[in-house]
Amino acid sequence: MTRYEADQPYAVRSARRLDRARQLLAQLSSTSTDEQALMTILSDHENGQDAICRHPPDGDGDGTKTVFWCLADVTSRFIRYGPGNPCRSRAQSYTFR
C-alpha cells in the first residue's frame, strides 16, 4: 500500500512499526503464539514515537496515537478489542454465532 500513501515520511514510520512487529513475531515459537503473546506485541513501546503502542506525545510529537486495537481469531469466530492503547484499555469480546 506504500505507493498509495500520500505522506511518504509517515509511511517510513509505519514500516518501522511493521518491522518491529515482525521481529517480535519471529521470536515466538509456533506454540507460544497465543492471545497473551499477541497482546504483548500490540503493547510494545520500543522505538519511542514509532512504537507499536503509541501514546499521546509530550508536546514534541506529531499527535499520532493508538486509538483502537483488535485481535481476531477467525477460526474460533472470536474478536477481542478495546479503545485506546492495548497496554491500558479494558478488553472487550465479541463472538460470532
PDB file of N, CA and C in Angstrom:
ATOM      1  N   MET A   1       0.813  -1.203   0.000  1.00  0.00           N
ATOM      2  CA  MET A   1       0.000   0.000   0.000  1.00  0.00           C
ATOM      3  C   MET A   1       0.854   1.265   0.000  1.00  0.00           C
ATOM      4  N   THR A   2       2.171   1.126   0.122  1.00  0.00           N
ATOM      5  CA  THR A   2       3.050   2.284   0.206  1.00  0.00           C
ATOM      6  C   THR A   2       2.864   3.222  -0.976  1.00  0.00           C
ATOM      7  N   ARG A   3       2.645   2.679  -2.146  1.00  0.00           N
ATOM      8  CA  ARG A   3       2.523   3.562  -3.313  1.00  0.00           C
ATOM      9  C   ARG A   3       1.291   4.453  -3.248  1.00  0.00           C
ATOM     10  N   TYR A   4       0.311   4.112  -2.413  1.00  0.00           N
ATOM     11  CA  TYR A   4      -0.892   4.929  -2.266  1.00  0.00           C
ATOM     12  C   TYR A   4      -0.791   5.931  -1.122  1.00  0.00           C
ATOM     13  N   GLU A   5       0.268   5.853  -0.358  1.00  0.00           N
ATOM     14  CA  GLU A   5       0.449   6.739   0.793  1.00  0.00           C
ATOM     15  C   GLU A   5       0.832   8.133   0.327  1.00  0.00           C
ATOM     16  N   ALA A   6       0.042   9.112   0.709  1.00  0.00           N
ATOM     17  CA  ALA A   6       0.310  10.490   0.308  1.00  0.00           C
ATOM     18  C   ALA A   6       1.446  11.110   1.125  1.00  0.00           C
ATOM     19  N   ASP A   7       1.639  10.626   2.340  1.00  0.00           N
ATOM     20  CA  ASP A   7       2.660  11.168   3.230  1.00  0.00           C
ATOM     21  C   ASP A   7       3.786  10.141   3.363  1.00  0.00           C
ATOM     22  N   GLN A   8       4.756  10.188   2.444  1.00  0.00           N
ATOM     23  CA  GLN A   8       5.834   9.202   2.412  1.00  0.00           C
ATOM     24  C   GLN A   8       6.683   9.177   3.682  1.00  0.00           C
ATOM     25  N   PRO A   9       7.006  10.308   4.298  1.00  0.00           N
ATOM     26  CA  PRO A   9       7.761  10.238   5.561  1.00  0.00           C
ATOM     27  C   PRO A   9       7.001   9.456   6.643  1.00  0.00           C
ATOM     28  N   TYR A  10       5.688   9.613   6.677  1.00  0.00           N
ATOM     29  CA  TYR A  10       4.901   8.856   7.652  1.00  0.00           C
ATOM     30  C   TYR A  10       4.887   7.372   7.301  1.00  0.00           C
ATOM     31  N   ALA A  11       4.873   7.048   6.029  1.00  0.00           N
ATOM     32  CA  ALA A  11       4.896   5.646   5.601  1.00  0.00           C
ATOM     33  C   ALA A  11       6.153   4.949   6.105  1.00  0.00           C
ATOM     34  N   VAL A  12       7.261   5.659   6.157  1.00  0.00           N
ATOM     35  CA  VAL A  12       8.505   5.102   6.687  1.00  0.00           C
ATOM     36  C   VAL A  12       8.328   4.761   8.167  1.00  0.00           C
ATOM     37  N   ARG A  13       7.622   5.606   8.883  1.00  0.00           N
ATOM     38  CA  ARG A  13       7.378   5.365  10.313  1.00  0.00           C
ATOM     39  C   ARG A  13       6.474   4.153  10.502  1.00  0.00           C
ATOM     40  N   SER A  14       5.494   3.996   9.643  1.00  0.00           N
ATOM     41  CA  SER A  14       4.619   2.814   9.695  1.00  0.00           C
ATOM     42  C   SER A  14       5.422   1.552   9.408  1.00  0.00           C
ATOM     43  N   ALA A  15       6.320   1.637   8.457  1.00  0.00           N
ATOM     44  CA  ALA A  15       7.171   0.489   8.121  1.00  0.00           C
ATOM     45  C   ALA A  15       8.055   0.114   9.307  1.00  0.00           C
ATOM     46  N   ARG A  16       8.487   1.100  10.080  1.00  0.00           N
ATOM     47  CA  ARG A  16       9.300   0.834  11.270  1.00  0.00           C
ATOM     48  C   ARG A  16       8.494   0.029  12.297  1.00  0.00           C
ATOM     49  N   ARG A  17       7.216   0.377  12.470  1.00  0.00           N
ATOM     50  CA  ARG A  17       6.353  -0.371  13.387  1.00  0.00           C
ATOM     51  C   ARG A  17       6.130  -1.793  12.870  1.00  0.00           C
ATOM     52  N   LEU A  18       5.922  -1.935  11.578  1.00  0.00           N
ATOM     53  CA  LEU A  18       5.746  -3.251  10.975  1.00  0.00           C
ATOM     54  C   LEU A  18       6.999  -4.108  11.168  1.00  0.00           C
ATOM     55  N   ASP A  19       8.163  -3.531  10.959  1.00  0.00           N
ATOM     56  CA  ASP A  19       9.415  -4.272  11.157  1.00  0.00           C
ATOM     57  C   ASP A  19       9.549  -4.749  12.600  1.00  0.00           C
ATOM     58  N   ARG A  20       9.186  -3.904  13.547  1.00  0.00           N
ATOM     59  CA  ARG A  20       9.254  -4.289  14.961  1.00  0.00           C
ATOM     60  C   ARG A  20       8.282  -5.432  15.248  1.00  0.00           C
ATOM     61  N   ALA A  21       7.076  -5.360  14.722  1.00  0.00           N
ATOM     62  CA  ALA A  21       6.101  -6.439  14.926  1.00  0.00           C
ATOM     63  C   ALA A  21       6.614  -7.744  14.334  1.00  0.00           C
ATOM     64  N   ARG A  22       7.194  -7.676  13.164  1.00  0.00           N
ATOM     65  CA  ARG A  22       7.762  -8.886  12.542  1.00  0.00           C
ATOM     66  C   ARG A  22       8.893  -9.457  13.387  1.00  0.00           C
ATOM     67  N   GLN A  23       9.731  -8.587  13.928  1.00  0.00           N
ATOM     68  CA  GLN A  23      10.833  -9.023  14.781  1.00  0.00           C
ATOM     69  C   GLN A  23      10.289  -9.754  16.014  1.00  0.00           C
ATOM     70  N   LEU A  24       9.284  -9.189  16.656  1.00  0.00           N
ATOM     71  CA  LEU A  24       8.710  -9.809  17.849  1.00  0.00           C
ATOM     72  C   LEU A  24       8.009 -11.122  17.516  1.00  0.00           C
ATOM     73  N   LEU A  25       7.304 -11.163  16.390  1.00  0.00           N
ATOM     74  CA  LEU A  25       6.654 -12.409  15.972  1.00  0.00           C
ATOM     75  C   LEU A  25       7.670 -13.505  15.679  1.00  0.00           C
ATOM     76  N   ALA A  26       8.783 -13.123  15.079  1.00  0.00           N
ATOM     77  CA  ALA A  26       9.822 -14.101  14.747  1.00  0.00           C
ATOM     78  C   ALA A  26      10.433 -14.720  16.010  1.00  0.00           C
ATOM     79  N   GLN A  27      10.371 -14.014  17.122  1.00  0.00           N
ATOM     80  CA  GLN A  27      10.927 -14.522  18.373  1.00  0.00           C
ATOM     81  C   GLN A  27      10.015 -15.536  19.055  1.00  0.00           C
ATOM     82  N   LEU A  28       8.775 -15.623  18.621  1.00  0.00           N
ATOM     83  CA  LEU A  28       7.829 -16.556  19.216  1.00  0.00           C
ATOM     84  C   LEU A  28       7.949 -17.922  18.569  1.00  0.00           C
ATOM     85  N   SER A  29       7.733 -18.953  19.351  1.00  0.00           N
ATOM     86  CA  SER A  29       7.640 -20.283  18.752  1.00  0.00           C
ATOM     87  C   SER A  29       6.198 -20.471  18.287  1.00  0.00           C
ATOM     88  N   SER A  30       5.984 -21.411  17.418  1.00  0.00           N
ATOM     89  CA  SER A  30       4.623 -21.624  16.890  1.00  0.00           C
ATOM     90  C   SER A  30       3.658 -22.022  17.998  1.00  0.00           C
ATOM     91  N   THR A  31       4.155 -22.594  19.083  1.00  0.00           N
ATOM     92  CA  THR A  31       3.271 -22.994  20.179  1.00  0.00           C
ATOM     93  C   THR A  31       3.004 -21.859  21.159  1.00  0.00           C
ATOM     94  N   SER A  32       3.762 -20.763  21.067  1.00  0.00           N
ATOM     95  CA  SER A  32       3.564 -19.659  22.013  1.00  0.00           C
ATOM     96  C   SER A  32       2.827 -18.476  21.403  1.00  0.00           C
ATOM     97  N   THR A  33       2.348 -18.634  20.189  1.00  0.00           N
ATOM     98  CA  THR A  33       1.610 -17.539  19.545  1.00  0.00           C
ATOM     99  C   THR A  33       0.155 -17.595  19.992  1.00  0.00           C
ATOM    100  N   ASP A  34      -0.077 -17.138  21.214  1.00  0.00           N
ATOM    101  CA  ASP A  34      -1.424 -17.117  21.755  1.00  0.00           C
ATOM    102  C   ASP A  34      -1.863 -15.667  21.954  1.00  0.00           C
ATOM    103  N   GLU A  35      -3.036 -15.497  22.502  1.00  0.00           N
ATOM    104  CA  GLU A  35      -3.578 -14.148  22.683  1.00  0.00           C
ATOM    105  C   GLU A  35      -2.668 -13.280  23.547  1.00  0.00           C
ATOM    106  N   GLN A  36      -2.142 -13.834  24.619  1.00  0.00           N
ATOM    107  CA  GLN A  36      -1.272 -13.050  25.505  1.00  0.00           C
ATOM    108  C   GLN A  36      -0.009 -12.599  24.780  1.00  0.00           C
ATOM    109  N   ALA A  37       0.576 -13.478  23.990  1.00  0.00           N
ATOM    110  CA  ALA A  37       1.781 -13.118  23.238  1.00  0.00           C
ATOM    111  C   ALA A  37       1.477 -12.003  22.239  1.00  0.00           C
ATOM    112  N   LEU A  38       0.340 -12.092  21.576  1.00  0.00           N
ATOM    113  CA  LEU A  38      -0.037 -11.056  20.609  1.00  0.00           C
ATOM    114  C   LEU A  38      -0.347  -9.737  21.302  1.00  0.00           C
ATOM    115  N   MET A  39      -0.952  -9.787  22.488  1.00  0.00           N
ATOM    116  CA  MET A  39      -1.207  -8.559  23.249  1.00  0.00           C
ATOM    117  C   MET A  39       0.111  -7.913  23.677  1.00  0.00           C
ATOM    118  N   THR A  40       1.093  -8.730  24.001  1.00  0.00           N
ATOM    119  CA  THR A  40       2.410  -8.198  24.357  1.00  0.00           C
ATOM    120  C   THR A  40       3.011  -7.445  23.174  1.00  0.00           C
ATOM    121  N   ILE A  41       2.849  -7.984  21.986  1.00  0.00           N
ATOM    122  CA  ILE A  41       3.356  -7.312  20.783  1.00  0.00           C
ATOM    123  C   ILE A  41       2.596  -6.009  20.540  1.00  0.00           C
ATOM    124  N   LEU A  42       1.275  -6.036  20.639  1.00  0.00           N
ATOM    125  CA  LEU A  42       0.495  -4.811  20.430  1.00  0.00           C
ATOM    126  C   LEU A  42       0.815  -3.748  21.474  1.00  0.00           C
ATOM    127  N   SER A  43       1.279  -4.160  22.649  1.00  0.00           N
ATOM    128  CA  SER A  43       1.585  -3.235  23.740  1.00  0.00           C
ATOM    129  C   SER A  43       3.050  -2.807  23.763  1.00  0.00           C
ATOM    130  N   ASP A  44       3.806  -3.153  22.756  1.00  0.00           N
ATOM    131  CA  ASP A  44       5.238  -2.861  22.710  1.00  0.00           C
ATOM    132  C   ASP A  44       5.502  -1.358  22.585  1.00  0.00           C
ATOM    133  N   HIS A  45       6.438  -0.856  23.390  1.00  0.00           N
ATOM    134  CA  HIS A  45       6.765   0.574  23.409  1.00  0.00           C
ATOM    135  C   HIS A  45       8.154   0.895  22.857  1.00  0.00           C
ATOM    136  N   GLU A  46       8.816  -0.082  22.281  1.00  0.00           N
ATOM    137  CA  GLU A  46      10.140   0.139  21.688  1.00  0.00           C
ATOM    138  C   GLU A  46      10.015   1.131  20.527  1.00  0.00           C
ATOM    139  N   ASN A  47      11.003   1.948  20.308  1.00  0.00           N
ATOM    140  CA  ASN A  47      11.087   2.910  19.194  1.00  0.00           C
ATOM    141  C   ASN A  47      10.338   4.216  19.443  1.00  0.00           C
ATOM    142  N   GLY A  48      10.069   4.549  20.694  1.00  0.00           N
ATOM    143  CA  GLY A  48       9.509   5.869  21.016  1.00  0.00           C
ATOM    144  C   GLY A  48       8.258   6.227  20.243  1.00  0.00           C
ATOM    145  N   GLN A  49       8.305   7.334  19.509  1.00  0.00           N
ATOM    146  CA  GLN A  49       7.134   7.795  18.757  1.00  0.00           C
ATOM    147  C   GLN A  49       6.732   6.829  17.650  1.00  0.00           C
ATOM    148  N   ASP A  50       7.608   5.925  17.285  1.00  0.00           N
ATOM    149  CA  ASP A  50       7.292   4.937  16.258  1.00  0.00           C
ATOM    150  C   ASP A  50       7.008   3.565  16.864  1.00  0.00           C
ATOM    151  N   ALA A  51       6.632   3.546  18.131  1.00  0.00           N
ATOM    152  CA  ALA A  51       6.298   2.291  18.802  1.00  0.00           C
ATOM    153  C   ALA A  51       4.998   1.726  18.249  1.00  0.00           C
ATOM    154  N   ILE A  52       4.820   0.433  18.409  1.00  0.00           N
ATOM    155  CA  ILE A  52       3.559  -0.204  18.004  1.00  0.00           C
ATOM    156  C   ILE A  52       2.420   0.374  18.843  1.00  0.00           C
ATOM    157  N   CYS A  53       2.632   0.458  20.157  1.00  0.00           N
ATOM    158  CA  CYS A  53       1.649   1.044  21.073  1.00  0.00           C
ATOM    159  C   CYS A  53       2.013   2.513  21.240  1.00  0.00           C
ATOM    160  N   ARG A  54       1.278   3.367  20.538  1.00  0.00           N
ATOM    161  CA  ARG A  54       1.628   4.793  20.508  1.00  0.00           C
ATOM    162  C   ARG A  54       0.768   5.581  21.469  1.00  0.00           C
ATOM    163  N   HIS A  55       1.417   6.374  22.289  1.00  0.00           N
ATOM    164  CA  HIS A  55       0.730   7.202  23.279  1.00  0.00           C
ATOM    165  C   HIS A  55       0.757   8.657  22.847  1.00  0.00           C
ATOM    166  N   PRO A  56      -0.157   9.477  23.399  1.00  0.00           N
ATOM    167  CA  PRO A  56      -0.116  10.900  23.055  1.00  0.00           C
ATOM    168  C   PRO A  56       1.266  11.463  23.354  1.00  0.00           C
ATOM    169  N   PRO A  57       1.791  12.280  22.480  1.00  0.00           N
ATOM    170  CA  PRO A  57       3.135  12.836  22.685  1.00  0.00           C
ATOM    171  C   PRO A  57       3.177  13.821  23.845  1.00  0.00           C
ATOM    172  N   ASP A  58       4.380  14.059  24.332  1.00  0.00           N
ATOM    173  CA  ASP A  58       4.610  15.003  25.432  1.00  0.00           C
ATOM    174  C   ASP A  58       4.880  16.401  24.899  1.00  0.00           C
ATOM    175  N   GLY A  59       4.286  16.753  23.793  1.00  0.00           N
ATOM    176  CA  GLY A  59       4.497  18.076  23.238  1.00  0.00           C
ATOM    177  C   GLY A  59       5.535  18.120  22.139  1.00  0.00           C
ATOM    178  N   ASP A  60       6.218  17.004  21.886  1.00  0.00           N
ATOM    179  CA  ASP A  60       7.253  17.030  20.846  1.00  0.00           C
ATOM    180  C   ASP A  60       6.963  16.041  19.722  1.00  0.00           C
ATOM    181  N   GLY A  61       5.733  15.604  19.602  1.00  0.00           N
ATOM    182  CA  GLY A  61       5.390  14.630  18.562  1.00  0.00           C
ATOM    183  C   GLY A  61       4.424  15.197  17.540  1.00  0.00           C
ATOM    184  N   ASP A  62       3.942  14.319  16.705  1.00  0.00           N
ATOM    185  CA  ASP A  62       3.031  14.748  15.637  1.00  0.00           C
ATOM    186  C   ASP A  62       1.563  14.579  16.013  1.00  0.00           C
ATOM    187  N   GLY A  63       1.274  14.130  17.221  1.00  0.00           N
ATOM    188  CA  GLY A  63      -0.102  13.965  17.671  1.00  0.00           C
ATOM    189  C   GLY A  63      -0.702  12.619  17.321  1.00  0.00           C
ATOM    190  N   THR A  64       0.060  11.749  16.687  1.00  0.00           N
ATOM    191  CA  THR A  64      -0.455  10.442  16.316  1.00  0.00           C
ATOM    192  C   THR A  64      -0.425   9.524  17.536  1.00  0.00           C
ATOM    193  N   LYS A  65      -1.511   8.764  17.733  1.00  0.00           N
ATOM    194  CA  LYS A  65      -1.584   7.837  18.850  1.00  0.00           C
ATOM    195  C   LYS A  65      -2.464   6.648  18.480  1.00  0.00           C
ATOM    196  N   THR A  66      -2.332   5.586  19.244  1.00  0.00           N
ATOM    197  CA  THR A  66      -3.180   4.414  19.062  1.00  0.00           C
ATOM    198  C   THR A  66      -4.563   4.756  19.611  1.00  0.00           C
ATOM    199  N   VAL A  67      -5.600   4.514  18.830  1.00  0.00           N
ATOM    200  CA  VAL A  67      -6.953   4.817  19.292  1.00  0.00           C
ATOM    201  C   VAL A  67      -7.820   3.565  19.425  1.00  0.00           C
ATOM    202  N   PHE A  68      -7.336   2.414  18.916  1.00  0.00           N
ATOM    203  CA  PHE A  68      -8.138   1.203  18.920  1.00  0.00           C
ATOM    204  C   PHE A  68      -7.237   0.021  18.634  1.00  0.00           C
ATOM    205  N   TRP A  69      -7.514  -1.117  19.226  1.00  0.00           N
ATOM    206  CA  TRP A  69      -6.768  -2.340  18.931  1.00  0.00           C
ATOM    207  C   TRP A  69      -7.755  -3.492  18.798  1.00  0.00           C
ATOM    208  N   CYS A  70      -7.304  -4.537  18.120  1.00  0.00           N
ATOM    209  CA  CYS A  70      -8.187  -5.677  17.856  1.00  0.00           C
ATOM    210  C   CYS A  70      -7.363  -6.932  17.583  1.00  0.00           C
ATOM    211  N   LEU A  71      -7.775  -8.038  18.173  1.00  0.00           N
ATOM    212  CA  LEU A  71      -7.242  -9.361  17.855  1.00  0.00           C
ATOM    213  C   LEU A  71      -8.426 -10.209  17.398  1.00  0.00           C
ATOM    214  N   ALA A  72      -8.285 -10.851  16.269  1.00  0.00           N
ATOM    215  CA  ALA A  72      -9.389 -11.664  15.744  1.00  0.00           C
ATOM    216  C   ALA A  72      -8.924 -13.095  15.518  1.00  0.00           C
ATOM    217  N   ASP A  73      -9.683 -14.030  16.026  1.00  0.00           N
ATOM    218  CA  ASP A  73      -9.458 -15.455  15.781  1.00  0.00           C
ATOM    219  C   ASP A  73     -10.595 -15.898  14.859  1.00  0.00           C
ATOM    220  N   VAL A  74     -10.335 -15.887  13.573  1.00  0.00           N
ATOM    221  CA  VAL A  74     -11.399 -16.170  12.610  1.00  0.00           C
ATOM    222  C   VAL A  74     -11.850 -17.625  12.667  1.00  0.00           C
ATOM    223  N   THR A  75     -10.971 -18.520  13.069  1.00  0.00           N
ATOM    224  CA  THR A  75     -11.349 -19.931  13.191  1.00  0.00           C
ATOM    225  C   THR A  75     -12.350 -20.134  14.320  1.00  0.00           C
ATOM    226  N   SER A  76     -12.097 -19.477  15.430  1.00  0.00           N
ATOM    227  CA  SER A  76     -12.996 -19.591  16.581  1.00  0.00           C
ATOM    228  C   SER A  76     -14.136 -18.579  16.537  1.00  0.00           C
ATOM    229  N   ARG A  77     -14.107 -17.713  15.534  1.00  0.00           N
ATOM    230  CA  ARG A  77     -15.152 -16.688  15.363  1.00  0.00           C
ATOM    231  C   ARG A  77     -15.234 -15.770  16.579  1.00  0.00           C
ATOM    232  N   PHE A  78     -14.074 -15.265  16.986  1.00  0.00           N
ATOM    233  CA  PHE A  78     -13.957 -14.509  18.218  1.00  0.00           C
ATOM    234  C   PHE A  78     -13.076 -13.283  17.993  1.00  0.00           C
ATOM    235  N   ILE A  79     -13.486 -12.146  18.537  1.00  0.00           N
ATOM    236  CA  ILE A  79     -12.706 -10.911  18.454  1.00  0.00           C
ATOM    237  C   ILE A  79     -12.555 -10.346  19.865  1.00  0.00           C
ATOM    238  N   ARG A  80     -11.331  -9.937  20.190  1.00  0.00           N
ATOM    239  CA  ARG A  80     -11.085  -9.190  21.424  1.00  0.00           C
ATOM    240  C   ARG A  80     -10.582  -7.824  20.979  1.00  0.00           C
ATOM    241  N   TYR A  81     -11.106  -6.757  21.570  1.00  0.00           N
ATOM    242  CA  TYR A  81     -10.797  -5.404  21.118  1.00  0.00           C
ATOM    243  C   TYR A  81     -10.893  -4.430  22.277  1.00  0.00           C
ATOM    244  N   GLY A  82     -10.413  -3.226  22.041  1.00  0.00           N
ATOM    245  CA  GLY A  82     -10.520  -2.204  23.063  1.00  0.00           C
ATOM    246  C   GLY A  82     -10.202  -0.821  22.520  1.00  0.00           C
ATOM    247  N   PRO A  83     -10.736   0.196  23.168  1.00  0.00           N
ATOM    248  CA  PRO A  83     -10.424   1.574  22.784  1.00  0.00           C
ATOM    249  C   PRO A  83      -9.076   1.997  23.347  1.00  0.00           C
ATOM    250  N   GLY A  84      -8.398   2.867  22.664  1.00  0.00           N
ATOM    251  CA  GLY A  84      -7.137   3.396  23.154  1.00  0.00           C
ATOM    252  C   GLY A  84      -5.992   2.412  23.036  1.00  0.00           C
ATOM    253  N   ASN A  85      -5.019   2.584  23.901  1.00  0.00           N
ATOM    254  CA  ASN A  85      -3.808   1.766  23.869  1.00  0.00           C
ATOM    255  C   ASN A  85      -4.060   0.375  24.443  1.00  0.00           C
ATOM    256  N   PRO A  86      -3.519  -0.659  23.794  1.00  0.00           N
ATOM    257  CA  PRO A  86      -3.717  -2.016  24.290  1.00  0.00           C
ATOM    258  C   PRO A  86      -3.061  -2.252  25.654  1.00  0.00           C
ATOM    259  N   CYS A  87      -2.063  -1.466  25.999  1.00  0.00           N
ATOM    260  CA  CYS A  87      -1.392  -1.633  27.287  1.00  0.00           C
ATOM    261  C   CYS A  87      -2.227  -1.091  28.444  1.00  0.00           C
ATOM    262  N   ARG A  88      -3.282  -0.331  28.137  1.00  0.00           N
ATOM    263  CA  ARG A  88      -4.055   0.330  29.196  1.00  0.00           C
ATOM    264  C   ARG A  88      -5.558   0.080  29.160  1.00  0.00           C
ATOM    265  N   SER A  89      -6.091  -0.315  28.039  1.00  0.00           N
ATOM    266  CA  SER A  89      -7.545  -0.388  27.945  1.00  0.00           C
ATOM    267  C   SER A  89      -8.096  -1.728  28.423  1.00  0.00           C
ATOM    268  N   ARG A  90      -9.335  -1.724  28.772  1.00  0.00           N
ATOM    269  CA  ARG A  90     -10.022  -2.946  29.198  1.00  0.00           C
ATOM    270  C   ARG A  90     -10.528  -3.662  27.949  1.00  0.00           C
ATOM    271  N   ALA A  91     -10.157  -4.911  27.821  1.00  0.00           N
ATOM    272  CA  ALA A  91     -10.541  -5.701  26.645  1.00  0.00           C
ATOM    273  C   ALA A  91     -12.035  -6.010  26.685  1.00  0.00           C
ATOM    274  N   GLN A  92     -12.621  -5.983  25.498  1.00  0.00           N
ATOM    275  CA  GLN A  92     -13.999  -6.397  25.305  1.00  0.00           C
ATOM    276  C   GLN A  92     -13.974  -7.549  24.295  1.00  0.00           C
ATOM    277  N   SER A  93     -15.001  -8.374  24.313  1.00  0.00           N
ATOM    278  CA  SER A  93     -15.027  -9.533  23.427  1.00  0.00           C
ATOM    279  C   SER A  93     -16.322  -9.588  22.638  1.00  0.00           C
ATOM    280  N   TYR A  94     -16.207 -10.172  21.474  1.00  0.00           N
ATOM    281  CA  TYR A  94     -17.379 -10.418  20.639  1.00  0.00           C
ATOM    282  C   TYR A  94     -17.203 -11.787  19.973  1.00  0.00           C
ATOM    283  N   THR A  95     -18.229 -12.615  20.071  1.00  0.00           N
ATOM    284  CA  THR A  95     -18.216 -13.928  19.449  1.00  0.00           C
ATOM    285  C   THR A  95     -19.285 -13.959  18.375  1.00  0.00           C
ATOM    286  N   PHE A  96     -18.894 -14.371  17.171  1.00  0.00           N
ATOM    287  CA  PHE A  96     -19.859 -14.523  16.089  1.00  0.00           C
ATOM    288  C   PHE A  96     -20.567 -15.860  16.224  1.00  0.00           C
ATOM    289  N   ARG A  97     -21.827 -15.877  15.984  1.00  0.00           N
ATOM    290  CA  ARG A  97     -22.586 -17.140  16.054  1.00  0.00           C
ATOM    291  C   ARG A  97     -22.664 -17.785  14.712  1.00  0.00           C
TER     292      ARG A  97
END
